[in-house]
């Protein structure tokens, strides 16, 4: 089985191109910075920079909604390949072919991070909806019974 799940941030805006021919298809390439679990000997957090390629609808989604710094959850498969450069040197490639991609944080949280502000959305709005806070958990409003929650 060839299955990859990544959580990381885009290092720059996706590069979008279209195939030639009658049935032109969008192709998006981007790099995700994925934090490693451990820190280096000097206490710095290390990351891997993983190349991703999306086709068709997934590429069109990337073109419309993704930009540098966006935190994503990507599901896909690893694909290897090779080509020969003009100087005759063979180059080997490894990419994640995107099967699904989704945002890993809310738009408000992302905008708050970009502006240097807090990613906490203050409770107290009386709209009956749960407020999302920056750590990815929901602040469940008072009065919601356990039976109404989806994980019971």
Foldseek 3Di string as FASTA:
>chain_A
DFKDKAKFFWQFQWDWDWDDDDPIKIKTKTWGWGWDPDADPVRHIHTDIAIEMEIHPVRVCSNPDGGGGFIKIFMFGKDKDWDADPVGDIDIDIHGYTPDMDGPDDPQLSVCVVVVHASQDDPDPPPQDWGAHNVGDTHHDPPDDPVPDPPD
